[in-house]
Amino acid sequence: MAGRLRTVMTMVYSNIKGSKRRLLNFGVMKKIALMAFALAFTLPVAGQSLAVTAHGRVYQAEQLRLAAIKNDLQRAKDLLELGASVDAANSFGRTALMMAVENGNTEMVNLLIARGADVNKRTQSGATPLSLAADSGRSGMSGKLIRHGAKIDARTRAGWTALIVAARNGRNEIVRVLLRKGADVTIADRKGQTALLHAAQQGHDDVVDTLVSRNVDLETKNNNGATALIIAAGEQQVRTVKILLVLDANIDAADKLGTTALMKAAENNDVRLFNYLIDKGANVDLRDGDGYTAFDIARQKGFSRLLLAQNNAS
């Protein structure tokens, strides 16, 4: 390898016209060194297979992704000029653009897009630059990617859109951006979970408010038949339950097993939520698919504090 580097350096230097080598500034020397190193990998020699050229391309792609992470614009430009593939991905399917987006490197994103980076490229899990922007909380990046042709409702292998990713992570500003750009609030993932259901599950109340303001159906159900209220109760998201009830969610909605929000509170021995739901008018006589009421569930589990509410309900 050392012999090849010396050979290529000689080739590069011999083609520099009108400059004395001793007068070359550091920036020029750095660029020459980079070119020499890249060419050492990419120029095949007599008796050697073209695998060397392929190895050089892999090296260039790795260096471009590293430059994208570090926001090293000059190095990225040099690598692209040498022929580095702007969309070359690592073993996880992540490209330089994706890494620049995740790290919030706006200038690098601009450079890569200008050089033809695919804004709809996918990782092995199906994530796109837009869904990665939503995941990392990059609202400015989200708008920029959409303006350059990112598909707003593209789904990951799990069925998550950028809106779902933003909602489940509590990225309300990005949720607002995506909604303004026309994101579909009705899309559900493979488990039937919409952005609203994810937000309710995680207790992101501001996101719930934002989604409901766009006339999202509060009674939307996942594959198990659970509504946002049932899911929030099951996760003991008391504030979210209160917000959903203020928004007129059905307090007695039941999933496919007949489980209501009150029954979820009973299962979790959540005294505060249990009493709150009863105070708000939850029907204590409803029975699940096995014929049990919320008080029956509390009795089976030995939750004596919940049973104190039975006398009040009577």
C-alpha atoms as a PDB file:
ATOM      1  CA  MET A   1       0.000   0.000   0.000  1.00  0.00           C
ATOM      2  CA  ALA A   2       2.862   2.395   0.869  1.00  0.00           C
ATOM      3  CA  GLY A   3       4.307   1.840  -2.589  1.00  0.00           C
ATOM      4  CA  ARG A   4       0.972   2.646  -4.229  1.00  0.00           C
ATOM      5  CA  LEU A   5       0.595   5.814  -2.183  1.00  0.00           C
ATOM      6  CA  ARG A   6       4.044   7.035  -3.236  1.00  0.00           C
ATOM      7  CA  THR A   7       3.264   6.200  -6.850  1.00  0.00           C
ATOM      8  CA  VAL A   8      -0.059   8.016  -6.821  1.00  0.00           C
ATOM      9  CA  MET A   9       1.384  11.027  -4.983  1.00  0.00           C
ATOM     10  CA  THR A  10       3.970  11.302  -7.717  1.00  0.00           C
ATOM     11  CA  MET A  11       1.206  11.167 -10.340  1.00  0.00           C
ATOM     12  CA  VAL A  12      -0.761  13.904  -8.582  1.00  0.00           C
ATOM     13  CA  TYR A  13       2.224  16.175  -8.037  1.00  0.00           C
ATOM     14  CA  SER A  14       3.412  15.781 -11.585  1.00  0.00           C
ATOM     15  CA  ASN A  15       0.098  17.151 -12.821  1.00  0.00           C
ATOM     16  CA  ILE A  16       0.189  20.312 -10.751  1.00  0.00           C
ATOM     17  CA  LYS A  17       1.042  23.088 -13.171  1.00  0.00           C
ATOM     18  CA  GLY A  18       2.259  26.558 -12.379  1.00  0.00           C
ATOM     19  CA  SER A  19       2.935  25.928  -8.687  1.00  0.00           C
ATOM     20  CA  LYS A  20       6.133  25.261  -6.812  1.00  0.00           C
ATOM     21  CA  ARG A  21       5.672  22.383  -4.404  1.00  0.00           C
ATOM     22  CA  ARG A  22       7.433  24.185  -1.574  1.00  0.00           C
ATOM     23  CA  LEU A  23       4.970  27.057  -1.850  1.00  0.00           C
ATOM     24  CA  LEU A  24       1.805  24.957  -1.621  1.00  0.00           C
ATOM     25  CA  ASN A  25      -0.358  26.044   1.276  1.00  0.00           C
ATOM     26  CA  PHE A  26      -1.762  23.627   3.835  1.00  0.00           C
ATOM     27  CA  GLY A  27      -5.240  23.519   2.283  1.00  0.00           C
ATOM     28  CA  VAL A  28      -3.859  22.459  -1.112  1.00  0.00           C
ATOM     29  CA  MET A  29      -1.598  19.865   0.506  1.00  0.00           C
ATOM     30  CA  LYS A  30      -4.534  18.449   2.453  1.00  0.00           C
ATOM     31  CA  LYS A  31      -6.601  18.141  -0.708  1.00  0.00           C
ATOM     32  CA  ILE A  32      -3.717  16.471  -2.565  1.00  0.00           C
ATOM     33  CA  ALA A  33      -3.262  13.992   0.272  1.00  0.00           C
ATOM     34  CA  LEU A  34      -6.969  13.166   0.226  1.00  0.00           C
ATOM     35  CA  MET A  35      -6.946  12.698  -3.540  1.00  0.00           C
ATOM     36  CA  ALA A  36      -3.857  10.515  -3.333  1.00  0.00           C
ATOM     37  CA  PHE A  37      -5.344   8.314  -0.632  1.00  0.00           C
ATOM     38  CA  ALA A  38      -8.621   7.919  -2.502  1.00  0.00           C
ATOM     39  CA  LEU A  39      -6.870   7.210  -5.794  1.00  0.00           C
ATOM     40  CA  ALA A  40      -4.655   4.629  -4.117  1.00  0.00           C
ATOM     41  CA  PHE A  41      -7.809   2.663  -3.457  1.00  0.00           C
ATOM     42  CA  THR A  42      -9.630   3.402  -6.670  1.00  0.00           C
ATOM     43  CA  LEU A  43      -6.978   3.071  -9.402  1.00  0.00           C
ATOM     44  CA  PRO A  44      -6.430  -0.569 -10.392  1.00  0.00           C
ATOM     45  CA  VAL A  45      -2.882  -1.628 -11.196  1.00  0.00           C
ATOM     46  CA  ALA A  46      -1.553  -4.299 -13.536  1.00  0.00           C
ATOM     47  CA  GLY A  47      -2.374  -7.796 -12.336  1.00  0.00           C
ATOM     48  CA  GLN A  48      -4.821  -6.571  -9.688  1.00  0.00           C
ATOM     49  CA  SER A  49      -8.603  -7.118  -9.766  1.00  0.00           C
ATOM     50  CA  LEU A  50     -11.209  -4.374  -9.801  1.00  0.00           C
ATOM     51  CA  ALA A  51     -12.079  -5.303  -6.191  1.00  0.00           C
ATOM     52  CA  VAL A  52      -9.674  -2.544  -5.178  1.00  0.00           C
ATOM     53  CA  THR A  53     -11.870   0.000  -6.940  1.00  0.00           C
ATOM     54  CA  ALA A  54     -14.926  -1.311  -5.074  1.00  0.00           C
ATOM     55  CA  HIS A  55     -13.026  -1.069  -1.803  1.00  0.00           C
ATOM     56  CA  GLY A  56     -12.181   2.527  -2.581  1.00  0.00           C
ATOM     57  CA  ARG A  57     -15.835   3.344  -3.136  1.00  0.00           C
ATOM     58  CA  VAL A  58     -16.711   1.778   0.211  1.00  0.00           C
ATOM     59  CA  TYR A  59     -14.027   3.854   1.917  1.00  0.00           C
ATOM     60  CA  GLN A  60     -15.248   7.057   0.274  1.00  0.00           C
ATOM     61  CA  ALA A  61     -18.834   6.331   1.326  1.00  0.00           C
ATOM     62  CA  GLU A  62     -17.768   5.689   4.921  1.00  0.00           C
ATOM     63  CA  GLN A  63     -15.843   8.942   4.995  1.00  0.00           C
ATOM     64  CA  LEU A  64     -18.787  10.864   3.525  1.00  0.00           C
ATOM     65  CA  ARG A  65     -21.108   9.560   6.233  1.00  0.00           C
ATOM     66  CA  LEU A  66     -18.541  10.501   8.861  1.00  0.00           C
ATOM     67  CA  ALA A  67     -18.247  13.991   7.376  1.00  0.00           C
ATOM     68  CA  ALA A  68     -22.051  14.272   7.482  1.00  0.00           C
ATOM     69  CA  ILE A  69     -22.075  13.429  11.192  1.00  0.00           C
ATOM     70  CA  LYS A  70     -19.300  15.931  11.948  1.00  0.00           C
ATOM     71  CA  ASN A  71     -20.761  18.572   9.611  1.00  0.00           C
ATOM     72  CA  ASP A  72     -17.409  18.745   7.808  1.00  0.00           C
ATOM     73  CA  LEU A  73     -18.608  20.510   4.659  1.00  0.00           C
ATOM     74  CA  GLN A  74     -15.250  20.819   2.932  1.00  0.00           C
ATOM     75  CA  ARG A  75     -14.414  17.155   3.372  1.00  0.00           C
ATOM     76  CA  ALA A  76     -17.842  16.186   2.097  1.00  0.00           C
ATOM     77  CA  LYS A  77     -17.377  18.386  -0.977  1.00  0.00           C
ATOM     78  CA  ASP A  78     -13.927  16.896  -1.650  1.00  0.00           C
ATOM     79  CA  LEU A  79     -15.252  13.347  -1.364  1.00  0.00           C
ATOM     80  CA  LEU A  80     -18.175  14.080  -3.670  1.00  0.00           C
ATOM     81  CA  GLU A  81     -15.804  15.625  -6.216  1.00  0.00           C
ATOM     82  CA  LEU A  82     -13.758  12.427  -6.094  1.00  0.00           C
ATOM     83  CA  GLY A  83     -16.870  10.434  -6.941  1.00  0.00           C
ATOM     84  CA  ALA A  84     -18.211   9.339  -3.570  1.00  0.00           C
ATOM     85  CA  SER A  85     -21.780   8.067  -3.896  1.00  0.00           C
ATOM     86  CA  VAL A  86     -24.088  10.515  -2.148  1.00  0.00           C
ATOM     87  CA  ASP A  87     -26.651   7.800  -1.362  1.00  0.00           C
ATOM     88  CA  ALA A  88     -24.295   4.990  -0.315  1.00  0.00           C
ATOM     89  CA  ALA A  89     -25.638   3.432   2.891  1.00  0.00           C
ATOM     90  CA  ASN A  90     -24.084   1.518   5.777  1.00  0.00           C
ATOM     91  CA  SER A  91     -25.133  -1.979   6.842  1.00  0.00           C
ATOM     92  CA  PHE A  92     -28.236  -0.542   8.521  1.00  0.00           C
ATOM     93  CA  GLY A  93     -29.266   1.316   5.378  1.00  0.00           C
ATOM     94  CA  ARG A  94     -28.370   4.753   6.741  1.00  0.00           C
ATOM     95  CA  THR A  95     -27.046   7.322   4.287  1.00  0.00           C
ATOM     96  CA  ALA A  96     -25.052  10.514   4.779  1.00  0.00           C
ATOM     97  CA  LEU A  97     -28.254  12.552   4.459  1.00  0.00           C
ATOM     98  CA  MET A  98     -29.935  10.570   7.227  1.00  0.00           C
ATOM     99  CA  MET A  99     -26.959  11.101   9.524  1.00  0.00           C
ATOM    100  CA  ALA A 100     -26.857  14.811   8.773  1.00  0.00           C
ATOM    101  CA  VAL A 101     -30.587  15.062   9.513  1.00  0.00           C
ATOM    102  CA  GLU A 102     -30.321  13.207  12.816  1.00  0.00           C
ATOM    103  CA  ASN A 103     -27.477  15.460  13.940  1.00  0.00           C
ATOM    104  CA  GLY A 104     -29.249  18.658  12.898  1.00  0.00           C
ATOM    105  CA  ASN A 105     -26.543  19.642  10.426  1.00  0.00           C
ATOM    106  CA  THR A 106     -28.559  21.962   8.200  1.00  0.00           C
ATOM    107  CA  GLU A 107     -25.742  23.087   5.903  1.00  0.00           C
ATOM    108  CA  MET A 108     -24.726  19.481   5.295  1.00  0.00           C
ATOM    109  CA  VAL A 109     -28.327  18.569   4.505  1.00  0.00           C
ATOM    110  CA  ASN A 110     -28.461  21.435   1.999  1.00  0.00           C
ATOM    111  CA  LEU A 111     -25.222  20.277   0.371  1.00  0.00           C
ATOM    112  CA  LEU A 112     -26.270  16.638   0.091  1.00  0.00           C
ATOM    113  CA  ILE A 113     -29.702  17.486  -1.299  1.00  0.00           C
ATOM    114  CA  ALA A 114     -28.074  19.848  -3.815  1.00  0.00           C
ATOM    115  CA  ARG A 115     -25.811  16.974  -4.860  1.00  0.00           C
ATOM    116  CA  GLY A 116     -28.816  14.747  -5.512  1.00  0.00           C
ATOM    117  CA  ALA A 117     -29.299  12.848  -2.252  1.00  0.00           C
ATOM    118  CA  ASP A 118     -32.489  10.775  -2.247  1.00  0.00           C
ATOM    119  CA  VAL A 119     -34.846  12.270   0.354  1.00  0.00           C
ATOM    120  CA  ASN A 120     -36.983   9.108   0.251  1.00  0.00           C
ATOM    121  CA  LYS A 121     -34.200   6.578   0.772  1.00  0.00           C
ATOM    122  CA  ARG A 122     -35.048   3.941   3.394  1.00  0.00           C
ATOM    123  CA  THR A 123     -33.106   2.181   6.134  1.00  0.00           C
ATOM    124  CA  GLN A 124     -33.350  -1.561   6.739  1.00  0.00           C
ATOM    125  CA  SER A 125     -36.278  -0.854   9.098  1.00  0.00           C
ATOM    126  CA  GLY A 126     -37.973   1.330   6.507  1.00  0.00           C
ATOM    127  CA  ALA A 127     -37.174   4.685   8.134  1.00  0.00           C
ATOM    128  CA  THR A 128     -36.766   7.686   5.828  1.00  0.00           C
ATOM    129  CA  PRO A 129     -34.906  10.948   6.416  1.00  0.00           C
ATOM    130  CA  LEU A 130     -38.280  12.504   7.288  1.00  0.00           C
ATOM    131  CA  SER A 131     -39.175   9.907   9.925  1.00  0.00           C
ATOM    132  CA  LEU A 132     -35.666  10.243  11.370  1.00  0.00           C
ATOM    133  CA  ALA A 133     -36.140  14.016  11.551  1.00  0.00           C
ATOM    134  CA  ALA A 134     -39.418  13.439  13.392  1.00  0.00           C
ATOM    135  CA  ASP A 135     -37.750  10.988  15.769  1.00  0.00           C
ATOM    136  CA  SER A 136     -34.888  13.336  16.617  1.00  0.00           C
ATOM    137  CA  GLY A 137     -37.074  16.429  16.969  1.00  0.00           C
ATOM    138  CA  ARG A 138     -35.791  18.336  13.927  1.00  0.00           C
ATOM    139  CA  SER A 139     -38.818  20.419  12.952  1.00  0.00           C
ATOM    140  CA  GLY A 140     -36.874  22.636  10.530  1.00  0.00           C
ATOM    141  CA  MET A 141     -35.440  19.571   8.821  1.00  0.00           C
ATOM    142  CA  SER A 142     -38.919  18.090   8.454  1.00  0.00           C
ATOM    143  CA  GLY A 143     -40.223  21.078   6.525  1.00  0.00           C
ATOM    144  CA  LYS A 144     -37.094  21.229   4.370  1.00  0.00           C
ATOM    145  CA  LEU A 145     -37.298  17.543   3.423  1.00  0.00           C
ATOM    146  CA  ILE A 146     -40.977  17.851   2.506  1.00  0.00           C
ATOM    147  CA  ARG A 147     -40.212  20.874   0.313  1.00  0.00           C
ATOM    148  CA  HIS A 148     -37.646  18.759  -1.518  1.00  0.00           C
ATOM    149  CA  GLY A 149     -40.058  15.935  -2.219  1.00  0.00           C
ATOM    150  CA  ALA A 150     -40.090  13.743   0.890  1.00  0.00           C
ATOM    151  CA  LYS A 151     -43.183  11.544   0.974  1.00  0.00           C
ATOM    152  CA  ILE A 152     -44.999  12.746   4.065  1.00  0.00           C
ATOM    153  CA  ASP A 153     -46.942   9.539   4.743  1.00  0.00           C
ATOM    154  CA  ALA A 154     -44.185   7.022   3.968  1.00  0.00           C
ATOM    155  CA  ARG A 155     -44.283   4.143   6.454  1.00  0.00           C
ATOM    156  CA  THR A 156     -41.607   2.153   8.234  1.00  0.00           C
ATOM    157  CA  ARG A 157     -41.784  -1.639   8.374  1.00  0.00           C
ATOM    158  CA  ALA A 158     -43.742  -1.237  11.616  1.00  0.00           C
ATOM    159  CA  GLY A 159     -46.203   0.962   9.727  1.00  0.00           C
ATOM    160  CA  TRP A 160     -45.125   4.196  11.390  1.00  0.00           C
ATOM    161  CA  THR A 161     -45.397   7.441   9.452  1.00  0.00           C
ATOM    162  CA  ALA A 162     -43.423  10.541  10.395  1.00  0.00           C
ATOM    163  CA  LEU A 163     -46.579  11.808  12.137  1.00  0.00           C
ATOM    164  CA  ILE A 164     -46.838   8.652  14.247  1.00  0.00           C
ATOM    165  CA  VAL A 165     -43.143   8.848  15.127  1.00  0.00           C
ATOM    166  CA  ALA A 166     -43.481  12.510  16.150  1.00  0.00           C
ATOM    167  CA  ALA A 167     -46.662  11.833  18.149  1.00  0.00           C
ATOM    168  CA  ARG A 168     -45.289   8.879  20.119  1.00  0.00           C
ATOM    169  CA  ASN A 169     -42.157  10.883  20.961  1.00  0.00           C
ATOM    170  CA  GLY A 170     -44.053  13.989  22.024  1.00  0.00           C
ATOM    171  CA  ARG A 171     -42.654  16.178  19.238  1.00  0.00           C
ATOM    172  CA  ASN A 172     -45.613  18.547  19.144  1.00  0.00           C
ATOM    173  CA  GLU A 173     -43.901  21.180  16.992  1.00  0.00           C
ATOM    174  CA  ILE A 174     -43.153  18.565  14.347  1.00  0.00           C
ATOM    175  CA  VAL A 175     -46.686  17.217  14.614  1.00  0.00           C
ATOM    176  CA  ARG A 176     -47.930  20.723  13.799  1.00  0.00           C
ATOM    177  CA  VAL A 177     -45.546  21.031  10.835  1.00  0.00           C
ATOM    178  CA  LEU A 178     -46.619  17.664   9.440  1.00  0.00           C
ATOM    179  CA  LEU A 179     -50.308  18.453   9.857  1.00  0.00           C
ATOM    180  CA  ARG A 180     -49.878  21.787   8.054  1.00  0.00           C
ATOM    181  CA  LYS A 181     -48.192  19.912   5.223  1.00  0.00           C
ATOM    182  CA  GLY A 182     -51.105  17.486   4.928  1.00  0.00           C
ATOM    183  CA  ALA A 183     -50.085  14.420   6.945  1.00  0.00           C
ATOM    184  CA  ASP A 184     -52.870  11.832   7.161  1.00  0.00           C
ATOM    185  CA  VAL A 185     -54.049  11.521  10.803  1.00  0.00           C
ATOM    186  CA  THR A 186     -56.078   8.382  10.081  1.00  0.00           C
ATOM    187  CA  ILE A 187     -53.136   6.164   9.114  1.00  0.00           C
ATOM    188  CA  ALA A 188     -52.537   3.343  11.589  1.00  0.00           C
ATOM    189  CA  ASP A 189     -49.498   1.128  12.101  1.00  0.00           C
ATOM    190  CA  ARG A 190     -49.475  -2.666  11.898  1.00  0.00           C
ATOM    191  CA  LYS A 191     -51.083  -2.872  15.332  1.00  0.00           C
ATOM    192  CA  GLY A 192     -53.818  -0.453  14.364  1.00  0.00           C
ATOM    193  CA  GLN A 193     -52.318   2.386  16.399  1.00  0.00           C
ATOM    194  CA  THR A 194     -52.833   5.872  14.976  1.00  0.00           C
ATOM    195  CA  ALA A 195     -50.878   8.971  15.975  1.00  0.00           C
ATOM    196  CA  LEU A 196     -53.600   9.792  18.531  1.00  0.00           C
ATOM    197  CA  LEU A 197     -53.425   6.360  20.147  1.00  0.00           C
ATOM    198  CA  HIS A 198     -49.642   6.538  20.390  1.00  0.00           C
ATOM    199  CA  ALA A 199     -49.773  10.007  21.937  1.00  0.00           C
ATOM    200  CA  ALA A 200     -52.380   8.865  24.477  1.00  0.00           C
ATOM    201  CA  GLN A 201     -50.326   5.797  25.358  1.00  0.00           C
ATOM    202  CA  GLN A 202     -47.254   7.895  26.056  1.00  0.00           C
ATOM    203  CA  GLY A 203     -49.140  10.632  27.881  1.00  0.00           C
ATOM    204  CA  HIS A 204     -48.245  13.419  25.468  1.00  0.00           C
ATOM    205  CA  ASP A 205     -51.184  15.663  26.272  1.00  0.00           C
ATOM    206  CA  ASP A 206     -50.142  18.590  24.077  1.00  0.00           C
ATOM    207  CA  VAL A 207     -49.945  16.258  21.077  1.00  0.00           C
ATOM    208  CA  VAL A 208     -53.380  14.846  21.907  1.00  0.00           C
ATOM    209  CA  ASP A 209     -54.761  18.400  21.956  1.00  0.00           C
ATOM    210  CA  THR A 210     -53.121  19.210  18.625  1.00  0.00           C
ATOM    211  CA  LEU A 211     -54.450  16.095  16.929  1.00  0.00           C
ATOM    212  CA  VAL A 212     -57.966  16.534  18.288  1.00  0.00           C
ATOM    213  CA  SER A 213     -57.967  20.117  17.023  1.00  0.00           C
ATOM    214  CA  ARG A 214     -57.727  18.570  13.544  1.00  0.00           C
ATOM    215  CA  ASN A 215     -60.998  16.692  14.116  1.00  0.00           C
ATOM    216  CA  VAL A 216     -59.385  13.340  14.828  1.00  0.00           C
ATOM    217  CA  ASP A 217     -61.933  10.706  15.797  1.00  0.00           C
ATOM    218  CA  LEU A 218     -61.612  10.181  19.573  1.00  0.00           C
ATOM    219  CA  GLU A 219     -63.196   6.737  19.285  1.00  0.00           C
ATOM    220  CA  THR A 220     -60.667   5.367  16.804  1.00  0.00           C
ATOM    221  CA  LYS A 221     -59.687   1.826  17.866  1.00  0.00           C
ATOM    222  CA  ASN A 222     -56.562  -0.260  17.445  1.00  0.00           C
ATOM    223  CA  ASN A 223     -56.527  -3.921  16.408  1.00  0.00           C
ATOM    224  CA  ASN A 224     -57.583  -4.926  19.927  1.00  0.00           C
ATOM    225  CA  GLY A 225     -60.513  -2.538  19.848  1.00  0.00           C
ATOM    226  CA  ALA A 226     -59.006  -0.143  22.398  1.00  0.00           C
ATOM    227  CA  THR A 227     -59.704   3.580  22.175  1.00  0.00           C
ATOM    228  CA  ALA A 228     -57.364   6.360  23.253  1.00  0.00           C
ATOM    229  CA  LEU A 229     -59.163   6.543  26.623  1.00  0.00           C
ATOM    230  CA  ILE A 230     -58.796   2.821  27.319  1.00  0.00           C
ATOM    231  CA  ILE A 231     -55.130   2.906  26.300  1.00  0.00           C
ATOM    232  CA  ALA A 232     -54.392   5.961  28.469  1.00  0.00           C
ATOM    233  CA  ALA A 233     -56.146   4.349  31.450  1.00  0.00           C
ATOM    234  CA  GLY A 234     -54.186   1.139  30.943  1.00  0.00           C
ATOM    235  CA  GLU A 235     -50.929   3.111  30.986  1.00  0.00           C
ATOM    236  CA  GLN A 236     -52.091   5.089  34.052  1.00  0.00           C
ATOM    237  CA  GLN A 237     -51.881   8.368  32.148  1.00  0.00           C
ATOM    238  CA  VAL A 238     -54.311  10.171  34.462  1.00  0.00           C
ATOM    239  CA  ARG A 239     -53.890  13.636  32.953  1.00  0.00           C
ATOM    240  CA  THR A 240     -54.449  12.266  29.464  1.00  0.00           C
ATOM    241  CA  VAL A 241     -57.604  10.473  30.623  1.00  0.00           C
ATOM    242  CA  LYS A 242     -58.906  13.737  32.056  1.00  0.00           C
ATOM    243  CA  ILE A 243     -58.179  15.624  28.835  1.00  0.00           C
ATOM    244  CA  LEU A 244     -59.888  12.963  26.718  1.00  0.00           C
ATOM    245  CA  LEU A 245     -62.982  13.089  28.913  1.00  0.00           C
ATOM    246  CA  VAL A 246     -63.089  16.884  28.666  1.00  0.00           C
ATOM    247  CA  LEU A 247     -62.964  16.386  24.901  1.00  0.00           C
ATOM    248  CA  ASP A 248     -66.030  14.112  25.259  1.00  0.00           C
ATOM    249  CA  ALA A 249     -64.435  10.692  24.802  1.00  0.00           C
ATOM    250  CA  ASN A 250     -66.805   7.804  25.544  1.00  0.00           C
ATOM    251  CA  ILE A 251     -66.084   6.870  29.164  1.00  0.00           C
ATOM    252  CA  ASP A 252     -67.681   3.428  28.790  1.00  0.00           C
ATOM    253  CA  ALA A 253     -66.062   2.397  25.494  1.00  0.00           C
ATOM    254  CA  ALA A 254     -64.920  -1.227  25.589  1.00  0.00           C
ATOM    255  CA  ASP A 255     -62.275  -3.142  23.619  1.00  0.00           C
ATOM    256  CA  LYS A 256     -62.729  -6.542  21.962  1.00  0.00           C
ATOM    257  CA  LEU A 257     -62.447  -8.283  25.352  1.00  0.00           C
ATOM    258  CA  GLY A 258     -65.087  -6.004  26.825  1.00  0.00           C
ATOM    259  CA  THR A 259     -62.530  -4.127  28.924  1.00  0.00           C
ATOM    260  CA  THR A 260     -63.327  -0.507  29.771  1.00  0.00           C
ATOM    261  CA  ALA A 261     -61.144   2.288  31.119  1.00  0.00           C
ATOM    262  CA  LEU A 262     -62.589   1.656  34.604  1.00  0.00           C
ATOM    263  CA  MET A 263     -61.608  -2.012  34.386  1.00  0.00           C
ATOM    264  CA  LYS A 264     -58.077  -1.023  33.344  1.00  0.00           C
ATOM    265  CA  ALA A 265     -57.856   1.157  36.450  1.00  0.00           C
ATOM    266  CA  ALA A 266     -59.068  -1.785  38.538  1.00  0.00           C
ATOM    267  CA  GLU A 267     -56.458  -4.116  37.001  1.00  0.00           C
ATOM    268  CA  ASN A 268     -53.715  -1.604  37.868  1.00  0.00           C
ATOM    269  CA  ASN A 269     -55.000  -0.920  41.405  1.00  0.00           C
ATOM    270  CA  ASP A 270     -55.022   2.742  40.401  1.00  0.00           C
ATOM    271  CA  VAL A 271     -57.202   4.124  43.186  1.00  0.00           C
ATOM    272  CA  ARG A 272     -57.031   7.749  42.064  1.00  0.00           C
ATOM    273  CA  LEU A 273     -58.025   6.988  38.473  1.00  0.00           C
ATOM    274  CA  PHE A 274     -60.619   4.421  39.555  1.00  0.00           C
ATOM    275  CA  ASN A 275     -62.381   6.927  41.809  1.00  0.00           C
ATOM    276  CA  TYR A 276     -62.075   9.698  39.223  1.00  0.00           C
ATOM    277  CA  LEU A 277     -63.767   7.617  36.525  1.00  0.00           C
ATOM    278  CA  ILE A 278     -66.584   6.658  38.873  1.00  0.00           C
ATOM    279  CA  ASP A 279     -67.042  10.325  39.806  1.00  0.00           C
ATOM    280  CA  LYS A 280     -67.264  11.133  36.093  1.00  0.00           C
ATOM    281  CA  GLY A 281     -70.057   8.623  35.619  1.00  0.00           C
ATOM    282  CA  ALA A 282     -68.342   5.413  34.485  1.00  0.00           C
ATOM    283  CA  ASN A 283     -70.822   2.542  34.476  1.00  0.00           C
ATOM    284  CA  VAL A 284     -69.761   0.204  37.309  1.00  0.00           C
ATOM    285  CA  ASP A 285     -72.194  -2.506  36.190  1.00  0.00           C
ATOM    286  CA  LEU A 286     -70.624  -3.166  32.786  1.00  0.00           C
ATOM    287  CA  ARG A 287     -69.115  -6.647  32.380  1.00  0.00           C
ATOM    288  CA  ASP A 288     -66.168  -7.761  30.301  1.00  0.00           C
ATOM    289  CA  GLY A 289     -66.114 -10.810  28.035  1.00  0.00           C
ATOM    290  CA  ASP A 290     -65.673 -13.106  31.025  1.00  0.00           C
ATOM    291  CA  GLY A 291     -68.630 -11.577  32.823  1.00  0.00           C
ATOM    292  CA  TYR A 292     -66.680  -9.560  35.389  1.00  0.00           C
ATOM    293  CA  THR A 293     -67.342  -5.980  36.477  1.00  0.00           C
ATOM    294  CA  ALA A 294     -64.597  -3.579  37.529  1.00  0.00           C
ATOM    295  CA  PHE A 295     -65.381  -4.364  41.192  1.00  0.00           C
ATOM    296  CA  ASP A 296     -65.202  -8.102  40.476  1.00  0.00           C
ATOM    297  CA  ILE A 297     -61.710  -7.565  39.040  1.00  0.00           C
ATOM    298  CA  ALA A 298     -60.681  -5.564  42.109  1.00  0.00           C
ATOM    299  CA  ARG A 299     -62.077  -8.291  44.397  1.00  0.00           C
ATOM    300  CA  GLN A 300     -60.243 -11.056  42.507  1.00  0.00           C
ATOM    301  CA  LYS A 301     -56.955  -9.219  42.828  1.00  0.00           C
ATOM    302  CA  GLY A 302     -57.501  -8.360  46.471  1.00  0.00           C
ATOM    303  CA  PHE A 303     -57.419  -4.635  45.915  1.00  0.00           C
ATOM    304  CA  SER A 304     -59.323  -3.649  49.055  1.00  0.00           C
ATOM    305  CA  ARG A 305     -58.868   0.098  48.626  1.00  0.00           C
ATOM    306  CA  LEU A 306     -60.720  -0.050  45.313  1.00  0.00           C
ATOM    307  CA  LEU A 307     -63.596  -1.873  46.935  1.00  0.00           C
ATOM    308  CA  LEU A 308     -64.139   1.054  49.275  1.00  0.00           C
ATOM    309  CA  ALA A 309     -65.487   2.921  46.284  1.00  0.00           C
ATOM    310  CA  GLN A 310     -68.212   0.300  45.853  1.00  0.00           C
ATOM    311  CA  ASN A 311     -70.228   1.600  48.798  1.00  0.00           C
ATOM    312  CA  ASN A 312     -69.947   5.153  47.449  1.00  0.00           C
ATOM    313  CA  ALA A 313     -71.054   3.994  44.023  1.00  0.00           C
ATOM    314  CA  SER A 314     -74.024   2.199  45.577  1.00  0.00           C
END
